[in-house]
Amino acid sequence: MTISSEPGSHTAETVAQEVQQFLEQRTKQTWDPDTDLFGTGAVSSMFAMELVVHLESTFDVVITGPDLALDNFRTVNAMTTMVLRLRGAQP
């Protein structure tokens, strides 16, 4: 999937699709957008750093400070919301 760098080009749907695709490739599982990825034990806090790098490079955002909270990476929906907020896009 090609993601445009224009702020208005990201929708909740396109961001969620990209995040789910990355998770499926890395974990070999399909995830519901509201599943607590860390609560399942399938994803570790070390994997959270991979998520940070992926989200930053894919969506041209910088994730620092309070945005590095694990809760922002717990679900596909949480990551989608954070990316859209950091991009200044409307959900």
PDB file of N, CA and C in Angstrom:
ATOM      1  N   MET A   1       0.844  -1.169   0.000  1.00  0.00           N
ATOM      2  CA  MET A   1       0.000   0.000   0.000  1.00  0.00           C
ATOM      3  C   MET A   1       0.890   1.233   0.000  1.00  0.00           C
ATOM      4  N   THR A   2       0.624   2.178  -0.854  1.00  0.00           N
ATOM      5  CA  THR A   2       1.371   3.420  -0.892  1.00  0.00           C
ATOM      6  C   THR A   2       0.608   4.476  -0.117  1.00  0.00           C
ATOM      7  N   ILE A   3       1.288   5.101   0.824  1.00  0.00           N
ATOM      8  CA  ILE A   3       0.668   6.123   1.651  1.00  0.00           C
ATOM      9  C   ILE A   3       1.209   7.474   1.220  1.00  0.00           C
ATOM     10  N   SER A   4       0.314   8.399   0.905  1.00  0.00           N
ATOM     11  CA  SER A   4       0.707   9.746   0.518  1.00  0.00           C
ATOM     12  C   SER A   4       1.182  10.508   1.738  1.00  0.00           C
ATOM     13  N   SER A   5       2.109  11.449   1.534  1.00  0.00           N
ATOM     14  CA  SER A   5       2.605  12.240   2.652  1.00  0.00           C
ATOM     15  C   SER A   5       1.760  13.480   2.905  1.00  0.00           C
ATOM     16  N   GLU A   6       0.729  13.683   2.123  1.00  0.00           N
ATOM     17  CA  GLU A   6      -0.153  14.832   2.338  1.00  0.00           C
ATOM     18  C   GLU A   6      -1.001  14.602   3.573  1.00  0.00           C
ATOM     19  N   PRO A   7      -1.075  15.596   4.502  1.00  0.00           N
ATOM     20  CA  PRO A   7      -1.821  15.417   5.744  1.00  0.00           C
ATOM     21  C   PRO A   7      -3.265  14.996   5.541  1.00  0.00           C
ATOM     22  N   GLY A   8      -3.959  15.554   4.579  1.00  0.00           N
ATOM     23  CA  GLY A   8      -5.364  15.238   4.374  1.00  0.00           C
ATOM     24  C   GLY A   8      -5.602  13.909   3.686  1.00  0.00           C
ATOM     25  N   SER A   9      -4.536  13.237   3.242  1.00  0.00           N
ATOM     26  CA  SER A   9      -4.695  12.004   2.474  1.00  0.00           C
ATOM     27  C   SER A   9      -4.912  10.781   3.364  1.00  0.00           C
ATOM     28  N   HIS A  10      -4.675  10.927   4.657  1.00  0.00           N
ATOM     29  CA  HIS A  10      -4.827   9.804   5.576  1.00  0.00           C
ATOM     30  C   HIS A  10      -6.221   9.805   6.172  1.00  0.00           C
ATOM     31  N   THR A  11      -6.832   8.661   6.099  1.00  0.00           N
ATOM     32  CA  THR A  11      -8.120   8.470   6.763  1.00  0.00           C
ATOM     33  C   THR A  11      -7.937   7.375   7.794  1.00  0.00           C
ATOM     34  N   ALA A  12      -8.887   7.267   8.699  1.00  0.00           N
ATOM     35  CA  ALA A  12      -8.813   6.205   9.693  1.00  0.00           C
ATOM     36  C   ALA A  12      -8.720   4.853   9.000  1.00  0.00           C
ATOM     37  N   GLU A  13      -9.449   4.706   7.903  1.00  0.00           N
ATOM     38  CA  GLU A  13      -9.457   3.431   7.186  1.00  0.00           C
ATOM     39  C   GLU A  13      -8.096   3.102   6.583  1.00  0.00           C
ATOM     40  N   THR A  14      -7.463   4.058   5.915  1.00  0.00           N
ATOM     41  CA  THR A  14      -6.174   3.771   5.272  1.00  0.00           C
ATOM     42  C   THR A  14      -5.072   3.535   6.292  1.00  0.00           C
ATOM     43  N   VAL A  15      -5.087   4.288   7.388  1.00  0.00           N
ATOM     44  CA  VAL A  15      -4.076   4.092   8.430  1.00  0.00           C
ATOM     45  C   VAL A  15      -4.271   2.729   9.078  1.00  0.00           C
ATOM     46  N   ALA A  16      -5.506   2.400   9.430  1.00  0.00           N
ATOM     47  CA  ALA A  16      -5.787   1.108  10.067  1.00  0.00           C
ATOM     48  C   ALA A  16      -5.402  -0.049   9.151  1.00  0.00           C
ATOM     49  N   GLN A  17      -5.682   0.070   7.866  1.00  0.00           N
ATOM     50  CA  GLN A  17      -5.327  -0.993   6.917  1.00  0.00           C
ATOM     51  C   GLN A  17      -3.826  -1.210   6.889  1.00  0.00           C
ATOM     52  N   GLU A  18      -3.063  -0.121   6.855  1.00  0.00           N
ATOM     53  CA  GLU A  18      -1.607  -0.232   6.813  1.00  0.00           C
ATOM     54  C   GLU A  18      -1.071  -0.855   8.101  1.00  0.00           C
ATOM     55  N   VAL A  19      -1.600  -0.423   9.243  1.00  0.00           N
ATOM     56  CA  VAL A  19      -1.154  -0.966  10.529  1.00  0.00           C
ATOM     57  C   VAL A  19      -1.498  -2.456  10.608  1.00  0.00           C
ATOM     58  N   GLN A  20      -2.700  -2.821  10.219  1.00  0.00           N
ATOM     59  CA  GLN A  20      -3.091  -4.231  10.250  1.00  0.00           C
ATOM     60  C   GLN A  20      -2.225  -5.065   9.315  1.00  0.00           C
ATOM     61  N   GLN A  21      -1.934  -4.540   8.154  1.00  0.00           N
ATOM     62  CA  GLN A  21      -1.084  -5.262   7.204  1.00  0.00           C
ATOM     63  C   GLN A  21       0.303  -5.510   7.808  1.00  0.00           C
ATOM     64  N   PHE A  22       0.881  -4.493   8.440  1.00  0.00           N
ATOM     65  CA  PHE A  22       2.188  -4.644   9.079  1.00  0.00           C
ATOM     66  C   PHE A  22       2.126  -5.694  10.182  1.00  0.00           C
ATOM     67  N   LEU A  23       1.103  -5.618  11.034  1.00  0.00           N
ATOM     68  CA  LEU A  23       0.957  -6.588  12.124  1.00  0.00           C
ATOM     69  C   LEU A  23       0.796  -8.008  11.598  1.00  0.00           C
ATOM     70  N   GLU A  24      -0.007  -8.172  10.559  1.00  0.00           N
ATOM     71  CA  GLU A  24      -0.217  -9.504   9.989  1.00  0.00           C
ATOM     72  C   GLU A  24       1.077 -10.066   9.413  1.00  0.00           C
ATOM     73  N   GLN A  25       1.853  -9.220   8.747  1.00  0.00           N
ATOM     74  CA  GLN A  25       3.124  -9.678   8.185  1.00  0.00           C
ATOM     75  C   GLN A  25       4.094 -10.102   9.280  1.00  0.00           C
ATOM     76  N   ARG A  26       4.137  -9.342  10.371  1.00  0.00           N
ATOM     77  CA  ARG A  26       5.105  -9.604  11.428  1.00  0.00           C
ATOM     78  C   ARG A  26       4.674 -10.711  12.392  1.00  0.00           C
ATOM     79  N   THR A  27       3.353 -10.852  12.630  1.00  0.00           N
ATOM     80  CA  THR A  27       2.898 -11.827  13.621  1.00  0.00           C
ATOM     81  C   THR A  27       2.256 -13.062  13.003  1.00  0.00           C
ATOM     82  N   LYS A  28       1.983 -12.995  11.707  1.00  0.00           N
ATOM     83  CA  LYS A  28       1.320 -14.104  10.996  1.00  0.00           C
ATOM     84  C   LYS A  28      -0.083 -14.368  11.536  1.00  0.00           C
ATOM     85  N   GLN A  29      -0.713 -13.313  12.076  1.00  0.00           N
ATOM     86  CA  GLN A  29      -2.071 -13.404  12.596  1.00  0.00           C
ATOM     87  C   GLN A  29      -2.879 -12.205  12.116  1.00  0.00           C
ATOM     88  N   THR A  30      -4.185 -12.384  12.063  1.00  0.00           N
ATOM     89  CA  THR A  30      -5.098 -11.290  11.744  1.00  0.00           C
ATOM     90  C   THR A  30      -5.623 -10.737  13.061  1.00  0.00           C
ATOM     91  N   TRP A  31      -5.700  -9.405  13.169  1.00  0.00           N
ATOM     92  CA  TRP A  31      -6.073  -8.767  14.422  1.00  0.00           C
ATOM     93  C   TRP A  31      -7.320  -7.915  14.260  1.00  0.00           C
ATOM     94  N   ASP A  32      -8.232  -8.042  15.212  1.00  0.00           N
ATOM     95  CA  ASP A  32      -9.378  -7.148  15.286  1.00  0.00           C
ATOM     96  C   ASP A  32      -8.854  -5.777  15.708  1.00  0.00           C
ATOM     97  N   PRO A  33      -9.405  -4.687  15.175  1.00  0.00           N
ATOM     98  CA  PRO A  33      -8.894  -3.349  15.489  1.00  0.00           C
ATOM     99  C   PRO A  33      -8.936  -2.980  16.971  1.00  0.00           C
ATOM    100  N   ASP A  34      -9.764  -3.665  17.767  1.00  0.00           N
ATOM    101  CA  ASP A  34      -9.865  -3.356  19.196  1.00  0.00           C
ATOM    102  C   ASP A  34      -9.169  -4.375  20.090  1.00  0.00           C
ATOM    103  N   THR A  35      -8.483  -5.354  19.515  1.00  0.00           N
ATOM    104  CA  THR A  35      -7.789  -6.367  20.316  1.00  0.00           C
ATOM    105  C   THR A  35      -6.575  -5.750  20.996  1.00  0.00           C
ATOM    106  N   ASP A  36      -6.432  -6.003  22.293  1.00  0.00           N
ATOM    107  CA  ASP A  36      -5.265  -5.546  23.044  1.00  0.00           C
ATOM    108  C   ASP A  36      -4.091  -6.440  22.653  1.00  0.00           C
ATOM    109  N   LEU A  37      -3.241  -5.923  21.791  1.00  0.00           N
ATOM    110  CA  LEU A  37      -2.139  -6.708  21.241  1.00  0.00           C
ATOM    111  C   LEU A  37      -1.171  -7.184  22.324  1.00  0.00           C
ATOM    112  N   PHE A  38      -0.952  -6.360  23.336  1.00  0.00           N
ATOM    113  CA  PHE A  38      -0.027  -6.728  24.397  1.00  0.00           C
ATOM    114  C   PHE A  38      -0.700  -7.633  25.416  1.00  0.00           C
ATOM    115  N   GLY A  39      -1.988  -7.441  25.632  1.00  0.00           N
ATOM    116  CA  GLY A  39      -2.751  -8.267  26.556  1.00  0.00           C
ATOM    117  C   GLY A  39      -2.844  -9.717  26.103  1.00  0.00           C
ATOM    118  N   THR A  40      -2.772  -9.933  24.796  1.00  0.00           N
ATOM    119  CA  THR A  40      -2.850 -11.300  24.267  1.00  0.00           C
ATOM    120  C   THR A  40      -1.553 -12.062  24.488  1.00  0.00           C
ATOM    121  N   GLY A  41      -0.469 -11.326  24.726  1.00  0.00           N
ATOM    122  CA  GLY A  41       0.831 -11.967  24.881  1.00  0.00           C
ATOM    123  C   GLY A  41       1.518 -12.240  23.552  1.00  0.00           C
ATOM    124  N   ALA A  42       0.852 -11.933  22.462  1.00  0.00           N
ATOM    125  CA  ALA A  42       1.416 -12.186  21.139  1.00  0.00           C
ATOM    126  C   ALA A  42       2.417 -11.107  20.721  1.00  0.00           C
ATOM    127  N   VAL A  43       2.347  -9.957  21.377  1.00  0.00           N
ATOM    128  CA  VAL A  43       3.208  -8.835  21.030  1.00  0.00           C
ATOM    129  C   VAL A  43       3.907  -8.372  22.309  1.00  0.00           C
ATOM    130  N   SER A  44       5.214  -8.142  22.218  1.00  0.00           N
ATOM    131  CA  SER A  44       6.005  -7.735  23.380  1.00  0.00           C
ATOM    132  C   SER A  44       6.276  -6.232  23.370  1.00  0.00           C
ATOM    133  N   SER A  45       6.775  -5.733  24.488  1.00  0.00           N
ATOM    134  CA  SER A  45       7.126  -4.315  24.548  1.00  0.00           C
ATOM    135  C   SER A  45       8.283  -4.017  23.594  1.00  0.00           C
ATOM    136  N   MET A  46       9.117  -5.002  23.332  1.00  0.00           N
ATOM    137  CA  MET A  46      10.194  -4.823  22.363  1.00  0.00           C
ATOM    138  C   MET A  46       9.603  -4.608  20.969  1.00  0.00           C
ATOM    139  N   PHE A  47       8.536  -5.315  20.686  1.00  0.00           N
ATOM    140  CA  PHE A  47       7.858  -5.150  19.395  1.00  0.00           C
ATOM    141  C   PHE A  47       7.267  -3.752  19.268  1.00  0.00           C
ATOM    142  N   ALA A  48       6.937  -3.130  20.403  1.00  0.00           N
ATOM    143  CA  ALA A  48       6.406  -1.764  20.382  1.00  0.00           C
ATOM    144  C   ALA A  48       7.404  -0.819  19.716  1.00  0.00           C
ATOM    145  N   MET A  49       8.689  -1.056  19.917  1.00  0.00           N
ATOM    146  CA  MET A  49       9.693  -0.204  19.273  1.00  0.00           C
ATOM    147  C   MET A  49       9.673  -0.388  17.759  1.00  0.00           C
ATOM    148  N   GLU A  50       9.423  -1.597  17.303  1.00  0.00           N
ATOM    149  CA  GLU A  50       9.274  -1.823  15.864  1.00  0.00           C
ATOM    150  C   GLU A  50       8.061  -1.076  15.333  1.00  0.00           C
ATOM    151  N   LEU A  51       6.995  -1.070  16.134  1.00  0.00           N
ATOM    152  CA  LEU A  51       5.798  -0.330  15.734  1.00  0.00           C
ATOM    153  C   LEU A  51       6.095   1.158  15.631  1.00  0.00           C
ATOM    154  N   VAL A  52       6.842   1.694  16.588  1.00  0.00           N
ATOM    155  CA  VAL A  52       7.206   3.118  16.554  1.00  0.00           C
ATOM    156  C   VAL A  52       7.950   3.431  15.267  1.00  0.00           C
ATOM    157  N   VAL A  53       8.972   2.659  14.969  1.00  0.00           N
ATOM    158  CA  VAL A  53       9.778   2.888  13.761  1.00  0.00           C
ATOM    159  C   VAL A  53       8.907   2.764  12.510  1.00  0.00           C
ATOM    160  N   HIS A  54       8.061   1.760  12.467  1.00  0.00           N
ATOM    161  CA  HIS A  54       7.194   1.561  11.303  1.00  0.00           C
ATOM    162  C   HIS A  54       6.239   2.739  11.121  1.00  0.00           C
ATOM    163  N   LEU A  55       5.571   3.143  12.186  1.00  0.00           N
ATOM    164  CA  LEU A  55       4.621   4.249  12.084  1.00  0.00           C
ATOM    165  C   LEU A  55       5.315   5.547  11.693  1.00  0.00           C
ATOM    166  N   GLU A  56       6.485   5.803  12.274  1.00  0.00           N
ATOM    167  CA  GLU A  56       7.210   7.024  11.937  1.00  0.00           C
ATOM    168  C   GLU A  56       7.620   7.051  10.470  1.00  0.00           C
ATOM    169  N   SER A  57       8.159   5.948   9.979  1.00  0.00           N
ATOM    170  CA  SER A  57       8.629   5.927   8.600  1.00  0.00           C
ATOM    171  C   SER A  57       7.491   5.858   7.592  1.00  0.00           C
ATOM    172  N   THR A  58       6.437   5.150   7.912  1.00  0.00           N
ATOM    173  CA  THR A  58       5.325   4.990   6.977  1.00  0.00           C
ATOM    174  C   THR A  58       4.475   6.246   6.870  1.00  0.00           C
ATOM    175  N   PHE A  59       4.246   6.907   8.007  1.00  0.00           N
ATOM    176  CA  PHE A  59       3.316   8.039   8.022  1.00  0.00           C
ATOM    177  C   PHE A  59       3.995   9.382   8.218  1.00  0.00           C
ATOM    178  N   ASP A  60       5.337   9.399   8.208  1.00  0.00           N
ATOM    179  CA  ASP A  60       6.099  10.639   8.334  1.00  0.00           C
ATOM    180  C   ASP A  60       5.691  11.424   9.577  1.00  0.00           C
ATOM    181  N   VAL A  61       5.697  10.734  10.723  1.00  0.00           N
ATOM    182  CA  VAL A  61       5.406  11.367  12.006  1.00  0.00           C
ATOM    183  C   VAL A  61       6.590  11.132  12.936  1.00  0.00           C
ATOM    184  N   VAL A  62       6.646  11.913  14.002  1.00  0.00           N
ATOM    185  CA  VAL A  62       7.650  11.727  15.041  1.00  0.00           C
ATOM    186  C   VAL A  62       6.891  11.410  16.322  1.00  0.00           C
ATOM    187  N   ILE A  63       7.209  10.276  16.915  1.00  0.00           N
ATOM    188  CA  ILE A  63       6.536   9.828  18.131  1.00  0.00           C
ATOM    189  C   ILE A  63       7.508   9.990  19.288  1.00  0.00           C
ATOM    190  N   THR A  64       7.221  10.952  20.183  1.00  0.00           N
ATOM    191  CA  THR A  64       8.105  11.234  21.306  1.00  0.00           C
ATOM    192  C   THR A  64       7.286  11.482  22.564  1.00  0.00           C
ATOM    193  N   GLY A  65       7.994  11.582  23.682  1.00  0.00           N
ATOM    194  CA  GLY A  65       7.384  11.961  24.948  1.00  0.00           C
ATOM    195  C   GLY A  65       6.159  11.150  25.300  1.00  0.00           C
ATOM    196  N   PRO A  66       5.067  11.857  25.646  1.00  0.00           N
ATOM    197  CA  PRO A  66       3.852  11.167  26.079  1.00  0.00           C
ATOM    198  C   PRO A  66       3.264  10.233  25.019  1.00  0.00           C
ATOM    199  N   ASP A  67       3.555  10.485  23.751  1.00  0.00           N
ATOM    200  CA  ASP A  67       3.021   9.625  22.686  1.00  0.00           C
ATOM    201  C   ASP A  67       3.647   8.238  22.695  1.00  0.00           C
ATOM    202  N   LEU A  68       4.768   8.069  23.395  1.00  0.00           N
ATOM    203  CA  LEU A  68       5.414   6.759  23.474  1.00  0.00           C
ATOM    204  C   LEU A  68       4.753   5.829  24.486  1.00  0.00           C
ATOM    205  N   ALA A  69       3.675   6.269  25.107  1.00  0.00           N
ATOM    206  CA  ALA A  69       2.953   5.435  26.077  1.00  0.00           C
ATOM    207  C   ALA A  69       2.449   4.166  25.401  1.00  0.00           C
ATOM    208  N   LEU A  70       2.601   3.053  26.092  1.00  0.00           N
ATOM    209  CA  LEU A  70       2.203   1.758  25.554  1.00  0.00           C
ATOM    210  C   LEU A  70       0.737   1.741  25.125  1.00  0.00           C
ATOM    211  N   ASP A  71      -0.099   2.489  25.818  1.00  0.00           N
ATOM    212  CA  ASP A  71      -1.526   2.522  25.465  1.00  0.00           C
ATOM    213  C   ASP A  71      -1.765   3.011  24.039  1.00  0.00           C
ATOM    214  N   ASN A  72      -0.858   3.827  23.494  1.00  0.00           N
ATOM    215  CA  ASN A  72      -1.010   4.296  22.113  1.00  0.00           C
ATOM    216  C   ASN A  72      -0.726   3.206  21.085  1.00  0.00           C
ATOM    217  N   PHE A  73      -0.181   2.080  21.535  1.00  0.00           N
ATOM    218  CA  PHE A  73       0.189   0.987  20.633  1.00  0.00           C
ATOM    219  C   PHE A  73      -0.574  -0.295  20.949  1.00  0.00           C
ATOM    220  N   ARG A  74      -1.471  -0.226  21.903  1.00  0.00           N
ATOM    221  CA  ARG A  74      -2.176  -1.403  22.400  1.00  0.00           C
ATOM    222  C   ARG A  74      -3.116  -2.023  21.369  1.00  0.00           C
ATOM    223  N   THR A  75      -3.768  -1.181  20.561  1.00  0.00           N
ATOM    224  CA  THR A  75      -4.716  -1.674  19.560  1.00  0.00           C
ATOM    225  C   THR A  75      -4.467  -0.975  18.227  1.00  0.00           C
ATOM    226  N   VAL A  76      -4.984  -1.568  17.168  1.00  0.00           N
ATOM    227  CA  VAL A  76      -4.905  -0.934  15.849  1.00  0.00           C
ATOM    228  C   VAL A  76      -5.609   0.419  15.897  1.00  0.00           C
ATOM    229  N   ASN A  77      -6.767   0.457  16.558  1.00  0.00           N
ATOM    230  CA  ASN A  77      -7.513   1.711  16.644  1.00  0.00           C
ATOM    231  C   ASN A  77      -6.739   2.794  17.394  1.00  0.00           C
ATOM    232  N   ALA A  78      -6.034   2.419  18.467  1.00  0.00           N
ATOM    233  CA  ALA A  78      -5.244   3.394  19.222  1.00  0.00           C
ATOM    234  C   ALA A  78      -4.109   3.948  18.364  1.00  0.00           C
ATOM    235  N   MET A  79      -3.445   3.084  17.615  1.00  0.00           N
ATOM    236  CA  MET A  79      -2.367   3.545  16.737  1.00  0.00           C
ATOM    237  C   MET A  79      -2.907   4.441  15.631  1.00  0.00           C
ATOM    238  N   THR A  80      -4.052   4.079  15.094  1.00  0.00           N
ATOM    239  CA  THR A  80      -4.680   4.874  14.040  1.00  0.00           C
ATOM    240  C   THR A  80      -5.008   6.273  14.551  1.00  0.00           C
ATOM    241  N   THR A  81      -5.610   6.344  15.724  1.00  0.00           N
ATOM    242  CA  THR A  81      -5.963   7.635  16.317  1.00  0.00           C
ATOM    243  C   THR A  81      -4.726   8.493  16.542  1.00  0.00           C
ATOM    244  N   MET A  82      -3.668   7.890  17.059  1.00  0.00           N
ATOM    245  CA  MET A  82      -2.436   8.635  17.305  1.00  0.00           C
ATOM    246  C   MET A  82      -1.829   9.152  16.009  1.00  0.00           C
ATOM    247  N   VAL A  83      -1.741   8.302  15.000  1.00  0.00           N
ATOM    248  CA  VAL A  83      -1.163   8.722  13.719  1.00  0.00           C
ATOM    249  C   VAL A  83      -1.957   9.879  13.129  1.00  0.00           C
ATOM    250  N   LEU A  84      -3.261   9.764  13.127  1.00  0.00           N
ATOM    251  CA  LEU A  84      -4.092  10.843  12.570  1.00  0.00           C
ATOM    252  C   LEU A  84      -3.902  12.141  13.354  1.00  0.00           C
ATOM    253  N   ARG A  85      -3.820  12.036  14.662  1.00  0.00           N
ATOM    254  CA  ARG A  85      -3.595  13.236  15.486  1.00  0.00           C
ATOM    255  C   ARG A  85      -2.238  13.858  15.176  1.00  0.00           C
ATOM    256  N   LEU A  86      -1.202  13.041  15.096  1.00  0.00           N
ATOM    257  CA  LEU A  86       0.135  13.547  14.802  1.00  0.00           C
ATOM    258  C   LEU A  86       0.237  14.131  13.392  1.00  0.00           C
ATOM    259  N   ARG A  87      -0.538  13.595  12.483  1.00  0.00           N
ATOM    260  CA  ARG A  87      -0.536  14.100  11.104  1.00  0.00           C
ATOM    261  C   ARG A  87      -1.432  15.328  10.942  1.00  0.00           C
ATOM    262  N   GLY A  88      -2.241  15.600  11.955  1.00  0.00           N
ATOM    263  CA  GLY A  88      -3.155  16.729  11.853  1.00  0.00           C
ATOM    264  C   GLY A  88      -4.342  16.443  10.955  1.00  0.00           C
ATOM    265  N   ALA A  89      -4.621  15.156  10.736  1.00  0.00           N
ATOM    266  CA  ALA A  89      -5.729  14.768   9.853  1.00  0.00           C
ATOM    267  C   ALA A  89      -7.003  14.627  10.654  1.00  0.00           C
ATOM    268  N   GLN A  90      -8.117  14.731   9.967  1.00  0.00           N
ATOM    269  CA  GLN A  90      -9.408  14.504  10.594  1.00  0.00           C
ATOM    270  C   GLN A  90      -9.686  13.011  10.579  1.00  0.00           C
ATOM    271  N   PRO A  91     -10.165  12.452  11.708  1.00  0.00           N
ATOM    272  CA  PRO A  91     -10.452  11.006  11.743  1.00  0.00           C
ATOM    273  C   PRO A  91     -11.568  10.607  10.805  1.00  0.00           C
TER     274      PRO A  91
END
